[in-house]
């Protein structure tokens, strides 16, 4: 498991006289040895999925992120063997709750970015699963992702709630950024 902390800077409107508020986010990288690849059925090359219920997953413990209601997900498609007219449909699951969906059509490769918002999820432990929701017909292909810095999720709390809190905290310090 690899997690890194970063700051997102939210700049308030200058007219408000409030100072900028920094929001914490956490980037979680899918990597061995904690990465789980599950494929139902017969022979498959590592990380390839194509059957409904197949998934890529990882649990991230003690991330330091106390809650999140936004996810930026980057999946690096390093192998897309889908034949024309096929696409792999995916559910994105965070702590057992579906927070969004994505589709990977034939021919798509490289980094693919997705953004999801959802009701606040309590941390600091997060389990992320990307699960196939359809089955690609026999001999019509599969998809795999690259690990180790190439596929990752960034979790963040909602900025609006923190801006309100930040505004109240900084109101007394008006003009003293």
Protein backbone atom coordinates (compact mmCIF):
# COMPACT_ATOMS: atom_id res chain seq x y z
CA UNK A 1 0.00 0.00 0.00
CA UNK A 2 1.21 3.46 -0.84
CA UNK A 3 -0.55 6.61 0.29
CA UNK A 4 0.58 10.19 -0.04
CA UNK A 5 -0.88 13.37 1.42
CA UNK A 6 -1.28 16.59 -0.52
CA UNK A 7 -3.12 19.85 -0.20
CA UNK A 8 -5.78 21.24 -2.47
CA UNK A 9 -5.94 25.01 -2.29
CA UNK A 10 -9.38 26.51 -2.43
CA UNK A 11 -9.27 30.23 -3.02
CA UNK A 12 -12.22 32.22 -1.77
CA UNK A 13 -13.50 35.24 -3.63
CA UNK A 14 -11.34 38.26 -2.87
CA UNK A 15 -14.42 40.36 -2.14
CA UNK A 16 -15.24 38.14 0.85
CA UNK A 17 -12.03 39.16 2.60
CA UNK A 18 -11.45 35.57 3.70
CA UNK A 19 -8.11 33.81 3.59
CA UNK A 20 -7.63 30.76 1.35
CA UNK A 21 -8.50 27.45 3.00
CA UNK A 22 -6.32 24.38 2.46
CA UNK A 23 -8.15 21.07 2.12
CA UNK A 24 -6.37 17.79 2.78
CA UNK A 25 -6.56 15.02 0.23
CA UNK A 26 -4.96 11.58 0.13
CA UNK A 27 -3.69 9.77 -2.95
CA UNK A 28 -3.83 5.98 -2.73
CA UNK A 29 -1.77 3.98 -5.24
CA UNK A 30 -2.81 0.50 -6.34
CA UNK A 31 0.29 -1.65 -5.85
CA UNK A 32 1.60 -5.05 -4.83
CA UNK A 33 1.62 -6.79 -2.44
CA UNK A 34 -1.77 -5.54 -1.19
CA UNK A 35 -3.45 -5.28 -4.60
CA UNK A 36 -6.13 -7.94 -5.22
CA UNK A 37 -7.05 -9.13 -8.70
CA UNK A 38 -10.03 -11.48 -8.88
CA UNK A 39 -11.07 -13.25 -12.06
CA UNK A 40 -13.92 -15.73 -12.17
CA UNK A 41 -13.35 -18.76 -14.31
CA UNK A 42 -10.52 -20.10 -16.42
CA UNK A 43 -7.08 -19.03 -17.42
CA UNK A 44 -6.28 -15.34 -17.46
CA UNK A 45 -3.20 -13.15 -17.67
CA UNK A 46 -2.51 -11.12 -14.52
CA UNK A 47 -4.88 -8.24 -13.91
CA UNK A 48 -7.13 -8.98 -16.92
CA UNK A 49 -10.87 -8.93 -16.21
CA UNK A 50 -13.88 -9.53 -18.49
CA UNK A 51 -16.53 -11.45 -16.51
CA UNK A 52 -19.25 -9.78 -14.40
CA UNK A 53 -18.01 -9.93 -10.82
CA UNK A 54 -14.28 -9.79 -11.71
CA UNK A 55 -12.50 -6.98 -9.90
CA UNK A 56 -9.40 -5.03 -8.97
CA UNK A 57 -9.24 -4.01 -5.31
CA UNK A 58 -7.07 -2.79 -2.49
CA UNK A 59 -7.53 -1.87 1.16
CA UNK A 60 -5.69 1.17 2.46
CA UNK A 61 -5.28 1.33 6.24
CA UNK A 62 -4.53 4.35 8.43
CA UNK A 63 -4.50 6.80 5.54
CA UNK A 64 -4.89 9.86 7.75
CA UNK A 65 -7.94 10.89 5.69
CA UNK A 66 -10.75 11.08 8.26
CA UNK A 67 -13.56 11.34 5.73
CA UNK A 68 -14.10 11.71 2.01
CA UNK A 69 -16.96 12.47 -0.32
CA UNK A 70 -15.01 12.97 -3.54
CA UNK A 71 -12.80 10.62 -5.52
CA UNK A 72 -10.58 11.28 -8.50
CA UNK A 73 -9.77 7.87 -9.97
CA UNK A 74 -7.04 7.26 -12.53
CA UNK A 75 -6.94 3.83 -14.14
CA UNK A 76 -3.97 3.23 -16.39
CA UNK A 77 -5.26 0.83 -19.05
CA UNK A 78 -2.13 -1.07 -20.03
CA UNK A 79 -3.89 -3.81 -22.01
CA UNK A 80 -7.21 -3.51 -23.82
CA UNK A 81 -7.92 -6.58 -25.90
CA UNK A 82 -11.62 -5.86 -26.41
CA UNK A 83 -12.87 -6.44 -29.93
CA UNK A 84 -14.84 -3.72 -31.71
CA UNK A 85 -18.28 -2.90 -30.32
CA UNK A 86 -17.41 -4.29 -26.86
CA UNK A 87 -16.96 -2.34 -23.66
CA UNK A 88 -16.29 -3.32 -20.07
CA UNK A 89 -18.66 -1.66 -17.59
CA UNK A 90 -17.41 -1.10 -14.06
CA UNK A 91 -18.79 -0.14 -10.66
CA UNK A 92 -16.46 1.82 -8.40
CA UNK A 93 -16.95 0.73 -4.79
CA UNK A 94 -15.64 2.56 -1.71
CA UNK A 95 -16.05 0.83 1.66
CA UNK A 96 -18.77 -1.47 0.29
CA UNK A 97 -20.78 1.39 -1.31
CA UNK A 98 -21.01 1.96 -5.05
CA UNK A 99 -19.88 5.56 -5.58
CA UNK A 100 -19.85 5.63 -9.37
CA UNK A 101 -19.47 3.74 -12.61
CA UNK A 102 -17.22 3.81 -15.65
CA UNK A 103 -16.96 2.14 -19.03
CA UNK A 104 -13.88 1.09 -20.96
CA UNK A 105 -14.60 0.73 -24.68
CA UNK A 106 -12.54 -1.21 -27.20
CA UNK A 107 -9.28 0.55 -28.11
CA UNK A 108 -9.08 2.78 -25.01
CA UNK A 109 -5.65 2.75 -23.37
CA UNK A 110 -3.36 4.83 -21.17
CA UNK A 111 -4.47 6.91 -18.19
CA UNK A 112 -8.24 7.34 -17.85
CA UNK A 113 -9.57 9.84 -15.31
CA UNK A 114 -12.90 9.69 -13.52
CA UNK A 115 -14.47 11.91 -10.84
CA UNK A 116 -17.14 10.85 -8.35
CA UNK A 117 -18.99 12.59 -5.53
CA UNK A 118 -20.89 10.64 -2.89
CA UNK A 119 -22.18 10.88 0.70
CA UNK A 120 -19.37 11.31 3.20
CA UNK A 121 -17.48 8.09 3.93
CA UNK A 122 -15.66 7.78 7.24
CA UNK A 123 -11.95 6.85 7.22
CA UNK A 124 -9.10 6.56 7.90
CA UNK A 125 -9.38 3.03 6.42
CA UNK A 126 -10.64 2.73 2.86
CA UNK A 127 -11.34 -0.29 0.66
CA UNK A 128 -11.59 0.43 -3.06
CA UNK A 129 -12.91 -2.09 -5.54
CA UNK A 130 -13.40 -1.65 -9.28
CA UNK A 131 -15.84 -4.41 -10.29
CA UNK A 132 -16.97 -5.56 -13.75
CA UNK A 133 -20.76 -5.40 -14.16
CA UNK A 134 -21.01 -7.09 -17.55
CA UNK A 135 -19.47 -10.12 -19.23
CA UNK A 136 -17.57 -9.74 -22.49
CA UNK A 137 -18.52 -12.53 -24.95
CA UNK A 138 -16.10 -15.45 -25.29
CA UNK A 139 -12.97 -14.66 -27.32
CA UNK A 140 -13.90 -10.95 -27.45
CA UNK A 141 -11.22 -9.59 -25.15
CA UNK A 142 -10.33 -8.37 -21.68
CA UNK A 143 -8.88 -5.31 -19.94
CA UNK A 144 -6.05 -4.88 -17.42
CA UNK A 145 -4.61 -1.95 -15.47
CA UNK A 146 -1.07 -0.97 -14.61
CA UNK A 147 0.00 -0.66 -10.98
CA UNK A 148 2.73 1.15 -9.02
CA UNK A 149 2.13 4.87 -9.53
CA UNK A 150 0.05 4.40 -12.69
CA UNK A 151 -3.40 3.59 -11.24
CA UNK A 152 -4.54 5.47 -8.16
CA UNK A 153 -7.40 7.20 -6.34
CA UNK A 154 -7.34 10.58 -4.63
CA UNK A 155 -9.89 11.02 -1.84
CA UNK A 156 -10.90 14.43 -0.52
CA UNK A 157 -13.53 15.95 1.76
CA UNK A 158 -16.18 18.24 0.31
CA UNK A 159 -14.78 21.77 -0.06
CA UNK A 160 -18.06 23.58 0.65
CA UNK A 161 -18.38 22.31 4.21
CA UNK A 162 -14.78 23.13 4.96
CA UNK A 163 -15.10 26.56 3.37
CA UNK A 164 -17.96 27.36 5.71
CA UNK A 165 -15.95 26.18 8.68
CA UNK A 166 -12.85 27.97 7.41
CA UNK A 167 -14.82 31.15 6.84
CA UNK A 168 -16.06 31.11 10.42
CA UNK A 169 -12.57 30.44 11.76
CA UNK A 170 -10.90 33.15 9.67
CA UNK A 171 -13.63 35.77 10.01
CA UNK A 172 -11.97 37.03 13.18
CA UNK A 173 -8.63 37.27 11.35
CA UNK A 174 -9.98 39.30 8.44
CA UNK A 175 -7.17 40.97 6.58
CA UNK A 176 -4.43 39.02 8.37
CA UNK A 177 -3.66 36.21 5.88
